[in-house]
């Protein structure tokens, strides 16, 4: 933990850092946008759903909650499917599920039907796209991986800025049923993005040519292939992964709270609905540029080995912003809060999966991200509702922002302090290894002084037997006689 891991990938293929990887990046950009922005964009139709089914706002809010719960909570299931079938087929099936859920929801006759169709089926489809796209991005990029993660993460604010106005237009012209049907058709683009996830293939092995002109293929040791685990729980043995999981779970408790309540915070100060809604636009616009810029910074040579500390700084920046923003009592203060929150929120979004990739590497990333998302799913379901209960008890938004700031700041302390202690212990291990290597060298030198080097003679005999098998027995006998004489 603390340094970037440069992997060859599970198939032994070096990450190309370009080429078809840019097409994979485009697909990941679109998938990230749909996955994070869609639960928020669906909220545009809530007023129509309240009138249609005669339910309350809290009932319709469960649609977004179920979507997020499926996106995070099905992480282990996605890991198992990816390790069993691969990223491309899982993503294409997920695209069909995401589209089918919205199409079926357009024919719903009760709010329960929308829970099942939009929440469960579409949520599962988006989850089957989101996680594999990050896994493929990790396999295609190594040196440029921080930049790739930053650009892919920028899909979330871009999609939010596009889908929310589009949802309002669709609702105005076609109603909520027509809007759901069209959005279901748009989600079929997830299948096209899945088709872009071409698996990396190992290079073909070439024959080896000897001096005598004979071509011999490189002999491979027949080793039985290791059975790949569908869900690798050995990641929990990694101290860095444990520290990251604990810190990320604490962070998610408060990270998503301010964007949910900032508009109502402005309304509570007496500002109009349109003016209050502009705060989210400002936050999303700043977030849009903060993510790729943070990716560029994280990719610098002197920053990348310490990217976990940059991630810790981003969380600390976000937490302090919440604490200071809780004291805002004017619209100008809330605008300033949204600008700084957008910067810190974008930094966290660009770095959270880059740091996880650096900790566990390529081979274990598919299992690690599933387990991390499962842990975060609990925090996602607890965080905003818990903040809502605090608001009902105090009737002041200040306490909500203070609580969120304390949670995010605590997560920054946990990951920074834990990483520092982990690196300190790892630095002691190489010193012990060098001491053992020195002792082994002294022993080998002592053995060379005592007796002849029998291993070299065995190697010479093996070479001559392979090259002269079938016709040079006399030469071999001569070599053996000379060896015995020397002994």
Protein backbone atom coordinates (compact mmCIF):
# COMPACT_ATOMS: atom_id res chain seq x y z
CA UNK A 1 0.00 0.00 0.00
CA UNK A 2 1.31 3.41 -0.92
CA UNK A 3 3.02 2.46 -4.17
CA UNK A 4 1.61 1.71 -7.57
CA UNK A 5 1.61 -1.89 -8.71
CA UNK A 6 2.59 -2.40 -12.35
CA UNK A 7 1.07 -5.68 -13.51
CA UNK A 8 1.33 -7.89 -16.53
CA UNK A 9 -2.28 -8.90 -16.10
CA UNK A 10 -3.77 -12.28 -15.36
CA UNK A 11 -2.79 -13.65 -18.77
CA UNK A 12 0.80 -12.45 -18.57
CA UNK A 13 0.16 -9.64 -21.07
CA UNK A 14 1.68 -6.23 -20.48
CA UNK A 15 -0.86 -3.41 -20.36
CA UNK A 16 -0.71 -1.62 -23.75
CA UNK A 17 -1.34 1.85 -22.22
CA UNK A 18 -3.06 3.00 -25.38
CA UNK A 19 -4.22 1.56 -28.68
CA UNK A 20 -7.52 -0.21 -28.18
CA UNK A 21 -7.33 0.88 -24.55
CA UNK A 22 -8.71 4.28 -25.56
CA UNK A 23 -11.84 2.57 -26.91
CA UNK A 24 -12.12 0.72 -23.60
CA UNK A 25 -11.78 4.10 -21.83
CA UNK A 26 -14.67 5.54 -23.85
CA UNK A 27 -16.84 2.57 -22.91
CA UNK A 28 -15.88 2.94 -19.25
CA UNK A 29 -16.68 6.68 -19.42
CA UNK A 30 -20.22 5.96 -20.66
CA UNK A 31 -20.80 3.12 -18.18
CA UNK A 32 -19.60 5.22 -15.22
CA UNK A 33 -21.93 8.01 -16.31
CA UNK A 34 -24.97 5.75 -16.50
CA UNK A 35 -24.15 3.95 -13.23
CA UNK A 36 -23.73 7.02 -11.01
CA UNK A 37 -26.02 9.53 -12.73
CA UNK A 38 -29.00 7.31 -13.48
CA UNK A 39 -30.24 6.96 -9.85
CA UNK A 40 -30.24 10.77 -9.57
CA UNK A 41 -31.74 11.35 -13.04
CA UNK A 42 -34.72 9.08 -12.28
CA UNK A 43 -35.71 11.45 -9.46
CA UNK A 44 -36.98 13.87 -12.14
CA UNK A 45 -40.03 11.61 -12.58
CA UNK A 46 -40.87 11.38 -8.87
CA UNK A 47 -43.58 14.05 -8.88
CA UNK A 48 -45.44 12.28 -11.71
CA UNK A 49 -45.11 8.95 -9.91
CA UNK A 50 -46.52 10.47 -6.71
CA UNK A 51 -49.60 11.65 -8.62
CA UNK A 52 -49.97 8.40 -10.58
CA UNK A 53 -49.80 5.96 -7.67
CA UNK A 54 -50.91 8.27 -4.82
CA UNK A 55 -47.77 7.70 -2.72
CA UNK A 56 -45.44 9.95 -0.73
CA UNK A 57 -42.02 11.30 -1.62
CA UNK A 58 -40.35 8.88 0.78
CA UNK A 59 -41.94 5.99 -1.17
CA UNK A 60 -40.56 7.18 -4.49
CA UNK A 61 -37.15 7.88 -2.93
CA UNK A 62 -36.79 4.12 -2.42
CA UNK A 63 -36.33 3.76 -6.19
CA UNK A 64 -32.99 5.57 -6.11
CA UNK A 65 -32.02 3.82 -2.88
CA UNK A 66 -32.66 0.36 -4.35
CA UNK A 67 -30.72 1.31 -7.49
CA UNK A 68 -27.68 2.32 -5.43
CA UNK A 69 -28.03 -0.72 -3.17
CA UNK A 70 -27.97 -3.04 -6.20
CA UNK A 71 -25.04 -1.14 -7.71
CA UNK A 72 -22.95 -1.56 -4.57
CA UNK A 73 -24.41 -4.65 -2.89
CA UNK A 74 -24.08 -7.02 -5.86
CA UNK A 75 -20.32 -6.50 -6.02
CA UNK A 76 -19.38 -10.07 -4.99
CA UNK A 77 -21.87 -11.52 -7.50
CA UNK A 78 -20.29 -9.44 -10.27
CA UNK A 79 -16.84 -10.64 -9.21
CA UNK A 80 -17.92 -14.28 -9.42
CA UNK A 81 -19.48 -13.80 -12.87
CA UNK A 82 -16.46 -11.92 -14.23
CA UNK A 83 -14.03 -14.56 -12.96
CA UNK A 84 -16.23 -17.29 -14.45
CA UNK A 85 -17.32 -15.86 -17.81
CA UNK A 86 -15.15 -12.78 -18.46
CA UNK A 87 -15.93 -9.05 -18.65
CA UNK A 88 -17.41 -8.76 -22.15
CA UNK A 89 -20.31 -11.28 -21.89
CA UNK A 90 -21.19 -10.11 -18.37
CA UNK A 91 -21.41 -6.48 -19.53
CA UNK A 92 -23.54 -7.29 -22.57
CA UNK A 93 -26.00 -9.30 -20.48
CA UNK A 94 -25.99 -6.48 -17.93
CA UNK A 95 -26.90 -4.00 -20.66
CA UNK A 96 -29.90 -6.12 -21.59
CA UNK A 97 -31.01 -6.28 -17.94
CA UNK A 98 -30.63 -2.51 -17.50
CA UNK A 99 -32.72 -1.80 -20.60
CA UNK A 100 -35.32 -4.48 -19.83
CA UNK A 101 -35.93 -3.10 -16.34
CA UNK A 102 -36.80 0.39 -17.59
CA UNK A 103 -38.96 -0.95 -20.43
CA UNK A 104 -40.95 -3.16 -18.04
CA UNK A 105 -41.26 -0.26 -15.57
CA UNK A 106 -43.01 1.82 -18.25
CA UNK A 107 -45.94 -0.63 -18.02
CA UNK A 108 -46.03 -0.64 -14.19
CA UNK A 109 -49.40 -0.51 -12.40
CA UNK A 110 -48.07 0.05 -8.87
CA UNK A 111 -45.01 1.50 -7.14
CA UNK A 112 -43.94 -2.04 -6.16
CA UNK A 113 -43.57 -2.91 -9.83
CA UNK A 114 -41.21 0.04 -10.27
CA UNK A 115 -39.21 -1.07 -7.23
CA UNK A 116 -38.70 -4.48 -8.85
CA UNK A 117 -38.18 -3.33 -12.44
CA UNK A 118 -36.26 -0.05 -12.14
CA UNK A 119 -34.69 -0.72 -8.77
CA UNK A 120 -33.76 -4.39 -8.88
CA UNK A 121 -33.51 -5.34 -12.58
CA UNK A 122 -32.03 -2.07 -13.89
CA UNK A 123 -29.82 -1.75 -10.80
CA UNK A 124 -28.45 -5.26 -11.35
CA UNK A 125 -27.83 -4.49 -15.02
CA UNK A 126 -25.88 -1.33 -14.20
CA UNK A 127 -23.85 -3.22 -11.59
CA UNK A 128 -22.97 -5.91 -14.16
CA UNK A 129 -21.59 -3.12 -16.36
CA UNK A 130 -19.88 -0.85 -13.86
CA UNK A 131 -17.54 -3.29 -12.13
CA UNK A 132 -16.29 -5.18 -15.25
CA UNK A 133 -15.60 -1.88 -17.04
CA UNK A 134 -13.24 -0.84 -14.22
CA UNK A 135 -11.54 -4.25 -14.33
CA UNK A 136 -10.89 -3.94 -18.08
CA UNK A 137 -9.63 -0.38 -17.66
CA UNK A 138 -7.13 -1.66 -15.10
CA UNK A 139 -5.91 -4.34 -17.52
CA UNK A 140 -5.44 -1.99 -20.47
CA UNK A 141 -3.63 0.79 -18.58
CA UNK A 142 -0.65 0.71 -16.24
CA UNK A 143 1.63 3.73 -16.64
CA UNK A 144 -1.28 5.96 -17.73
CA UNK A 145 -3.77 4.37 -15.34
CA UNK A 146 -4.29 7.42 -13.06
CA UNK A 147 -5.17 9.57 -16.07
CA UNK A 148 -7.45 6.84 -17.43
CA UNK A 149 -9.25 6.55 -14.10
CA UNK A 150 -9.69 10.32 -13.91
CA UNK A 151 -11.14 10.53 -17.41
CA UNK A 152 -13.45 7.56 -16.84
CA UNK A 153 -14.67 9.01 -13.53
CA UNK A 154 -15.56 12.26 -15.31
CA UNK A 155 -18.41 10.37 -16.96
CA UNK A 156 -20.47 10.73 -13.78
CA UNK A 157 -20.84 14.56 -13.71
CA UNK A 158 -21.08 14.76 -17.50
CA UNK A 159 -23.91 12.24 -17.61
CA UNK A 160 -25.67 13.93 -14.70
CA UNK A 161 -25.61 17.28 -16.51
CA UNK A 162 -27.11 15.59 -19.60
CA UNK A 163 -29.57 13.06 -18.18
CA UNK A 164 -31.35 15.38 -15.74
CA UNK A 165 -32.40 17.96 -18.38
CA UNK A 166 -33.16 15.13 -20.82
CA UNK A 167 -35.44 13.51 -18.25
CA UNK A 168 -37.35 16.75 -17.80
CA UNK A 169 -37.81 17.10 -21.59
CA UNK A 170 -38.98 13.49 -21.94
CA UNK A 171 -41.41 13.90 -19.06
CA UNK A 172 -42.86 17.09 -20.60
CA UNK A 173 -43.37 15.59 -24.08
CA UNK A 174 -44.06 11.89 -23.42
CA UNK A 175 -44.93 11.57 -19.73
CA UNK A 176 -43.16 9.31 -17.26
CA UNK A 177 -44.08 6.10 -19.12
CA UNK A 178 -42.71 7.33 -22.43
CA UNK A 179 -39.66 8.72 -20.65
CA UNK A 180 -38.94 5.36 -19.01
CA UNK A 181 -39.33 3.61 -22.36
CA UNK A 182 -36.87 5.94 -24.13
CA UNK A 183 -34.37 5.76 -21.28
CA UNK A 184 -34.60 1.96 -21.51
CA UNK A 185 -33.64 2.18 -25.17
CA UNK A 186 -30.71 4.44 -24.29
CA UNK A 187 -29.42 1.89 -21.80
CA UNK A 188 -28.92 -0.57 -24.66
CA UNK A 189 -25.77 1.44 -25.35
CA UNK A 190 -24.31 -0.48 -22.41
CA UNK A 191 -24.25 -3.54 -24.69
CA UNK A 192 -22.23 -1.57 -27.25
CA UNK A 193 -19.81 -0.48 -24.51
CA UNK A 194 -19.53 -4.11 -23.41
CA UNK A 195 -18.62 -5.13 -26.96
CA UNK A 196 -15.65 -2.74 -26.76
CA UNK A 197 -14.12 -4.72 -23.86
CA UNK A 198 -11.91 -6.93 -26.01
CA UNK A 199 -9.87 -9.33 -23.85
CA UNK A 200 -6.09 -9.15 -24.01
CA UNK A 201 -4.44 -12.23 -25.55
CA UNK A 202 -0.96 -13.56 -24.67
CA UNK A 203 1.71 -13.34 -27.42
CA UNK A 204 2.55 -16.49 -29.39
CA UNK A 205 5.79 -18.18 -28.35
CA UNK A 206 8.48 -18.30 -31.04
CA UNK A 207 10.94 -21.20 -31.64
CA UNK A 208 14.53 -20.89 -30.38
CA UNK A 209 17.39 -21.19 -32.95
CA UNK A 210 20.74 -22.78 -32.03
CA UNK A 211 24.12 -22.18 -33.61
CA UNK A 212 24.09 -25.46 -35.56
CA UNK A 213 21.01 -24.33 -37.49
CA UNK A 214 18.47 -26.54 -35.75
CA UNK A 215 15.21 -24.93 -34.68
CA UNK A 216 13.86 -26.19 -31.41
CA UNK A 217 10.72 -24.95 -29.73
CA UNK A 218 11.09 -23.77 -26.17
CA UNK A 219 10.17 -26.59 -23.86
CA UNK A 220 7.48 -25.78 -21.39
CA UNK A 221 7.13 -27.47 -18.08
CA UNK A 222 3.83 -29.24 -17.92
CA UNK A 223 2.35 -27.61 -14.87
CA UNK A 224 -1.32 -28.27 -14.15
CA UNK A 225 -3.24 -24.97 -14.49
CA UNK A 226 -4.36 -23.42 -11.25
CA UNK A 227 -8.08 -23.34 -10.76
CA UNK A 228 -9.07 -19.68 -10.58
CA UNK A 229 -11.11 -18.73 -7.54
CA UNK A 230 -14.48 -17.25 -8.33
CA UNK A 231 -14.15 -14.94 -5.32
CA UNK A 232 -10.70 -14.53 -3.82
CA UNK A 233 -11.01 -13.86 -0.09
CA UNK A 234 -7.23 -13.85 0.31
CA UNK A 235 -7.32 -10.08 -0.25
CA UNK A 236 -8.35 -9.78 3.38
CA UNK A 237 -4.84 -10.95 4.30
CA UNK A 238 -3.47 -7.74 2.77
CA UNK A 239 -3.14 -5.05 5.45
CA UNK A 240 -3.42 -2.33 2.85
CA UNK A 241 -6.74 -3.71 1.57
CA UNK A 242 -8.17 -3.91 5.09
CA UNK A 243 -7.17 -0.32 5.83
CA UNK A 244 -8.66 0.85 2.53
CA UNK A 245 -11.94 -1.02 3.11
CA UNK A 246 -12.42 0.40 6.60
CA UNK A 247 -11.57 3.95 5.49
CA UNK A 248 -13.78 3.78 2.39
CA UNK A 249 -16.75 2.48 4.40
CA UNK A 250 -16.44 5.34 6.89
CA UNK A 251 -16.03 7.86 4.04
CA UNK A 252 -19.18 6.74 2.21
CA UNK A 253 -21.24 7.37 5.35
CA UNK A 254 -20.83 11.12 4.83
CA UNK A 255 -19.58 11.57 1.26
CA UNK A 256 -22.98 11.52 -0.48
CA UNK A 257 -24.88 13.47 2.18
CA UNK A 258 -24.10 17.11 1.14
CA UNK A 259 -25.18 16.72 -2.53
CA UNK A 260 -28.50 15.28 -1.33
CA UNK A 261 -29.28 18.09 1.14
CA UNK A 262 -27.54 21.19 -0.25
CA UNK A 263 -30.55 22.22 -2.39
CA UNK A 264 -32.93 21.92 0.57
CA UNK A 265 -30.36 23.77 2.69
CA UNK A 266 -30.65 26.74 0.30
CA UNK A 267 -34.44 26.50 0.28
CA UNK A 268 -34.39 26.55 4.08
CA UNK A 269 -32.54 29.87 3.92
CA UNK A 270 -35.41 31.29 1.84
CA UNK A 271 -34.09 31.06 -1.73
CA UNK A 272 -36.19 30.07 -4.76
CA UNK A 273 -36.27 26.54 -6.18
CA UNK A 274 -34.48 27.41 -9.43
CA UNK A 275 -31.80 29.38 -7.60
CA UNK A 276 -31.30 26.55 -5.13
CA UNK A 277 -31.09 23.91 -7.89
CA UNK A 278 -28.32 25.94 -9.55
CA UNK A 279 -26.02 24.87 -6.69
CA UNK A 280 -25.95 21.28 -7.97
CA UNK A 281 -25.11 22.53 -11.45
CA UNK A 282 -22.15 24.48 -10.06
CA UNK A 283 -21.02 21.45 -8.06
CA UNK A 284 -21.26 19.15 -11.09
CA UNK A 285 -19.45 21.59 -13.39
CA UNK A 286 -16.46 21.88 -11.04
CA UNK A 287 -16.49 18.10 -10.46
CA UNK A 288 -16.37 17.53 -14.23
CA UNK A 289 -12.96 19.20 -14.56
CA UNK A 290 -11.54 18.19 -11.18
CA UNK A 291 -11.53 14.46 -11.96
CA UNK A 292 -9.30 14.41 -15.08
CA UNK A 293 -7.01 17.08 -13.61
CA UNK A 294 -6.56 14.99 -10.49
CA UNK A 295 -5.82 11.98 -12.69
CA UNK A 296 -3.03 13.92 -14.42
CA UNK A 297 -1.53 14.94 -11.07
CA UNK A 298 -1.75 11.39 -9.70
CA UNK A 299 0.13 10.10 -12.75
CA UNK A 300 3.24 12.22 -12.10
CA UNK A 301 6.36 10.23 -11.23
CA UNK A 302 6.88 11.77 -7.80
CA UNK A 303 3.16 11.65 -6.91
CA UNK A 304 2.11 8.19 -8.09
CA UNK A 305 4.11 6.17 -5.53
CA UNK A 306 2.36 8.28 -2.87
CA UNK A 307 -1.11 8.36 -4.45
CA UNK A 308 -2.68 6.99 -1.29
CA UNK A 309 -1.60 10.13 0.56
CA UNK A 310 -3.11 12.25 -2.21
CA UNK A 311 -6.31 10.26 -1.71
CA UNK A 312 -6.11 10.93 2.02
CA UNK A 313 -5.65 14.65 1.32
CA UNK A 314 -8.70 14.62 -0.97
CA UNK A 315 -10.83 13.07 1.78
CA UNK A 316 -9.49 15.53 4.34
CA UNK A 317 -10.20 18.40 1.93
CA UNK A 318 -13.76 17.13 1.48
CA UNK A 319 -14.34 16.70 5.21
CA UNK A 320 -13.02 20.14 6.13
CA UNK A 321 -15.17 21.65 3.36
CA UNK A 322 -18.25 20.07 4.94
CA UNK A 323 -17.31 21.38 8.39
CA UNK A 324 -16.78 24.93 7.13
CA UNK A 325 -19.82 24.79 4.82
CA UNK A 326 -22.05 23.95 7.77
CA UNK A 327 -21.64 27.55 8.93
CA UNK A 328 -22.84 29.06 5.62
CA UNK A 329 -25.89 31.29 6.06
CA UNK A 330 -25.94 33.11 2.70
CA UNK A 331 -26.28 32.03 -0.92
CA UNK A 332 -22.75 33.22 -1.66
CA UNK A 333 -21.43 31.02 1.12
CA UNK A 334 -23.25 28.00 -0.34
CA UNK A 335 -21.83 28.75 -3.80
CA UNK A 336 -18.32 28.82 -2.36
CA UNK A 337 -19.08 25.56 -0.55
CA UNK A 338 -20.24 23.90 -3.79
CA UNK A 339 -17.08 25.02 -5.63
CA UNK A 340 -14.72 23.57 -3.04
CA UNK A 341 -16.89 20.51 -2.48
CA UNK A 342 -16.91 19.86 -6.25
CA UNK A 343 -13.11 20.01 -6.30
CA UNK A 344 -12.67 17.63 -3.38
CA UNK A 345 -15.49 15.34 -4.50
CA UNK A 346 -13.92 15.08 -7.96
CA UNK A 347 -10.52 14.25 -6.45
CA UNK A 348 -12.04 11.47 -4.35
CA UNK A 349 -13.93 10.10 -7.35
CA UNK A 350 -10.81 10.05 -9.52
CA UNK A 351 -8.59 8.39 -6.91
CA UNK A 352 -10.75 5.88 -5.05
CA UNK A 353 -10.41 3.01 -7.54
CA UNK A 354 -6.89 4.00 -8.62
CA UNK A 355 -5.70 3.52 -5.04
CA UNK A 356 -7.49 0.16 -4.78
CA UNK A 357 -5.86 -1.00 -8.02
CA UNK A 358 -2.47 0.06 -6.69
CA UNK A 359 -3.01 -1.89 -3.47
CA UNK A 360 -4.22 -5.28 -4.74
CA UNK A 361 -2.96 -5.40 -8.36
CA UNK A 362 -4.68 -6.69 -11.49
CA UNK A 363 -5.22 -10.34 -10.63
CA UNK A 364 -7.09 -9.72 -7.37
CA UNK A 365 -8.83 -6.49 -8.39
CA UNK A 366 -11.96 -8.24 -9.70
CA UNK A 367 -12.55 -9.83 -6.28
CA UNK A 368 -11.35 -6.84 -4.26
CA UNK A 369 -13.69 -4.31 -5.87
CA UNK A 370 -16.68 -6.59 -5.36
CA UNK A 371 -15.96 -7.00 -1.66
CA UNK A 372 -15.29 -3.27 -1.19
CA UNK A 373 -18.54 -2.30 -2.92
CA UNK A 374 -20.44 -4.75 -0.69
CA UNK A 375 -19.03 -3.07 2.41
CA UNK A 376 -19.83 0.37 1.00
CA UNK A 377 -23.40 -0.70 0.19
CA UNK A 378 -24.19 -0.89 3.90
CA UNK A 379 -22.79 2.62 4.43
CA UNK A 380 -24.69 3.99 1.41
CA UNK A 381 -27.98 2.72 2.84
CA UNK A 382 -27.21 3.99 6.35
CA UNK A 383 -25.63 7.40 5.57
CA UNK A 384 -28.35 9.54 3.91
CA UNK A 385 -31.29 8.06 5.92
CA UNK A 386 -29.32 8.56 9.13
CA UNK A 387 -28.71 12.18 8.16
CA UNK A 388 -32.44 12.54 7.45
CA UNK A 389 -33.32 11.32 10.92
CA UNK A 390 -30.85 13.79 12.42
CA UNK A 391 -32.56 16.54 10.43
CA UNK A 392 -35.99 15.47 11.71
CA UNK A 393 -34.70 15.61 15.28
CA UNK A 394 -32.85 18.93 15.08
CA UNK A 395 -34.48 20.73 12.10
CA UNK A 396 -31.07 22.25 11.31
CA UNK A 397 -28.96 21.41 8.28
CA UNK A 398 -25.83 22.55 10.09
CA UNK A 399 -25.68 19.34 12.16
CA UNK A 400 -26.01 17.17 9.04
CA UNK A 401 -23.00 18.82 7.40
CA UNK A 402 -21.02 18.66 10.64
CA UNK A 403 -21.69 14.92 10.95
CA UNK A 404 -20.75 14.28 7.32
CA UNK A 405 -17.54 16.31 7.69
CA UNK A 406 -16.50 14.40 10.81
CA UNK A 407 -17.07 11.04 9.10
CA UNK A 408 -15.08 11.91 5.98
CA UNK A 409 -12.27 13.51 8.03
CA UNK A 410 -12.06 10.39 10.21
CA UNK A 411 -11.70 8.22 7.08
CA UNK A 412 -8.79 10.41 5.90
CA UNK A 413 -7.01 9.95 9.24
CA UNK A 414 -7.58 6.18 9.17
CA UNK A 415 -6.15 5.62 5.70
CA UNK A 416 -3.20 8.01 6.16
CA UNK A 417 -2.18 6.69 9.56
CA UNK A 418 -2.74 3.06 8.58
CA UNK A 419 -0.75 3.47 5.38
CA UNK A 420 2.14 5.12 7.21
CA UNK A 421 2.37 2.26 9.71
CA UNK A 422 2.06 -0.33 6.93
CA UNK A 423 4.91 1.21 4.92
CA UNK A 424 7.08 1.46 8.02
CA UNK A 425 6.74 -2.27 8.67
CA UNK A 426 7.34 -3.16 5.04
CA UNK A 427 10.59 -1.20 5.02
CA UNK A 428 11.94 -3.39 7.81
CA UNK A 429 11.31 -6.60 5.85
CA UNK A 430 13.81 -5.91 2.99
CA UNK A 431 16.58 -5.31 5.56
CA UNK A 432 15.99 -8.77 7.08
CA UNK A 433 15.94 -10.24 3.58
CA UNK A 434 19.33 -8.68 2.78
CA UNK A 435 20.81 -10.17 5.96
CA UNK A 436 19.55 -13.63 5.01
CA UNK A 437 20.91 -13.20 1.49
CA UNK A 438 24.32 -12.26 2.90
CA UNK A 439 24.43 -15.38 5.06
CA UNK A 440 23.43 -17.56 2.12
CA UNK A 441 26.23 -16.04 0.01
CA UNK A 442 28.84 -16.76 2.70
CA UNK A 443 27.67 -20.37 2.94
CA UNK A 444 27.84 -20.84 -0.83
CA UNK A 445 31.39 -19.43 -0.95
CA UNK A 446 32.41 -21.80 1.84
CA UNK A 447 31.00 -24.79 -0.06
CA UNK A 448 32.91 -23.78 -3.22
CA UNK A 449 36.19 -23.83 -1.28
CA UNK A 450 35.49 -27.30 0.20
CA UNK A 451 34.48 -29.29 -2.89
CA UNK A 452 34.15 -29.17 -6.69
CA UNK A 453 31.14 -27.58 -8.38
CA UNK A 454 29.12 -30.66 -9.15
CA UNK A 455 26.14 -28.72 -10.55
CA UNK A 456 28.16 -27.26 -13.44
CA UNK A 457 29.38 -30.72 -14.46
CA UNK A 458 25.80 -32.02 -14.43
CA UNK A 459 24.72 -29.14 -16.66
CA UNK A 460 27.56 -29.86 -19.14
CA UNK A 461 26.62 -33.52 -19.29
CA UNK A 462 22.97 -32.61 -19.90
CA UNK A 463 23.85 -30.26 -22.76
CA UNK A 464 26.07 -32.79 -24.55
CA UNK A 465 23.50 -35.56 -24.13
CA UNK A 466 20.78 -33.42 -25.71
CA UNK A 467 22.88 -32.20 -28.68
CA UNK A 468 24.75 -35.42 -29.43
CA UNK A 469 22.11 -38.02 -28.56
CA UNK A 470 22.39 -41.03 -30.86
CA UNK A 471 25.93 -40.60 -32.26
CA UNK A 472 28.50 -39.04 -29.94
CA UNK A 473 28.87 -41.57 -27.16
CA UNK A 474 32.66 -41.55 -27.54
CA UNK A 475 32.87 -37.86 -26.83
CA UNK A 476 30.70 -38.24 -23.75
CA UNK A 477 32.85 -41.09 -22.46
CA UNK A 478 35.93 -38.90 -22.89
CA UNK A 479 34.39 -36.11 -20.94
CA UNK A 480 33.38 -38.46 -18.16
CA UNK A 481 36.90 -39.93 -17.99
CA UNK A 482 38.46 -36.45 -17.78
CA UNK A 483 36.01 -35.50 -15.06
CA UNK A 484 36.78 -38.59 -13.02
CA UNK A 485 40.53 -37.95 -13.41
CA UNK A 486 40.13 -34.39 -12.19
CA UNK A 487 38.24 -35.67 -9.16
